[in-house]
Amino acid sequence: MAKSKPTKACCLVSELLEEAGFDREKARRLKRQVLEGVILLCQWQLARMETRVPRSTPRGRKVEVD
């Protein structure tokens, strides 16, 4: 019996993605879009933190405990 050469895992993933219609360029665009979204979220959070006015007294919630 002839032994076949083992296929590298990275090649298997590439083939799987290719068969699903997900090529390298599409993956790169999606990754960039996700990273830009994360950056935008972080900038928004920083802007909110800078404009927030500190309260003079902390507000608490009153809850009933059984």
Protein backbone atom coordinates (compact mmCIF):
# COMPACT_ATOMS: atom_id res chain seq x y z
CA MET A 1 0.00 0.00 0.00
CA ALA A 2 1.37 3.41 -0.95
CA LYS A 3 1.34 6.06 1.71
CA SER A 4 -0.13 9.38 0.69
CA LYS A 5 1.54 12.59 1.72
CA PRO A 6 -0.36 14.21 4.63
CA THR A 7 -2.09 17.47 3.73
CA LYS A 8 -1.23 20.48 5.85
CA ALA A 9 -4.01 21.84 8.05
CA CYS A 10 -3.68 25.32 6.56
CA CYS A 11 -4.25 23.91 3.08
CA LEU A 12 -7.36 22.07 4.28
CA VAL A 13 -8.76 25.27 5.77
CA SER A 14 -8.02 27.20 2.59
CA GLU A 15 -9.73 24.54 0.48
CA LEU A 16 -12.75 24.50 2.78
CA LEU A 17 -13.09 28.28 2.67
CA GLU A 18 -12.65 28.27 -1.11
CA GLU A 19 -15.41 25.69 -1.52
CA ALA A 20 -17.68 27.85 0.65
CA GLY A 21 -16.99 30.82 -1.64
CA PHE A 22 -14.90 32.64 0.94
CA ASP A 23 -11.66 33.69 -0.72
CA ARG A 24 -8.67 35.46 0.83
CA GLU A 25 -9.67 38.92 -0.41
CA LYS A 26 -13.17 38.56 1.01
CA ALA A 27 -11.72 37.46 4.37
CA ARG A 28 -9.36 40.45 4.37
CA ARG A 29 -12.24 42.86 3.68
CA LEU A 30 -14.36 41.33 6.42
CA LYS A 31 -11.50 41.46 8.92
CA ARG A 32 -10.88 45.11 8.09
CA GLN A 33 -14.58 45.93 8.49
CA VAL A 34 -14.71 44.22 11.90
CA LEU A 35 -11.57 46.00 13.11
CA GLU A 36 -12.90 49.37 11.94
CA GLY A 37 -16.11 48.65 13.84
CA VAL A 38 -14.16 47.88 17.02
CA ILE A 39 -12.15 51.08 16.62
CA LEU A 40 -15.33 53.10 16.13
CA LEU A 41 -16.88 51.54 19.24
CA CYS A 42 -13.77 52.36 21.31
CA GLN A 43 -13.73 55.97 20.07
CA TRP A 44 -17.41 56.33 20.93
CA GLN A 45 -16.84 54.94 24.43
CA LEU A 46 -13.90 57.31 25.00
CA ALA A 47 -15.98 60.28 23.86
CA ARG A 48 -18.74 59.27 26.28
CA MET A 49 -16.27 58.98 29.14
CA GLU A 50 -14.80 62.42 28.44
CA THR A 51 -18.15 64.19 28.29
CA ARG A 52 -19.65 62.47 31.33
CA VAL A 53 -20.11 64.83 34.27
CA PRO A 54 -19.32 63.29 37.64
CA ARG A 55 -22.29 63.09 39.97
CA SER A 56 -22.12 64.79 43.33
CA THR A 57 -23.70 61.81 45.07
CA PRO A 58 -23.71 58.25 43.86
CA ARG A 59 -27.12 56.94 42.93
CA GLY A 60 -28.10 53.60 44.28
CA ARG A 61 -31.01 51.34 43.56
CA LYS A 62 -33.31 50.24 46.30
CA VAL A 63 -34.31 46.64 45.99
CA GLU A 64 -36.24 44.31 48.21
CA VAL A 65 -34.50 41.12 49.27
CA ASP A 66 -36.56 38.15 50.36
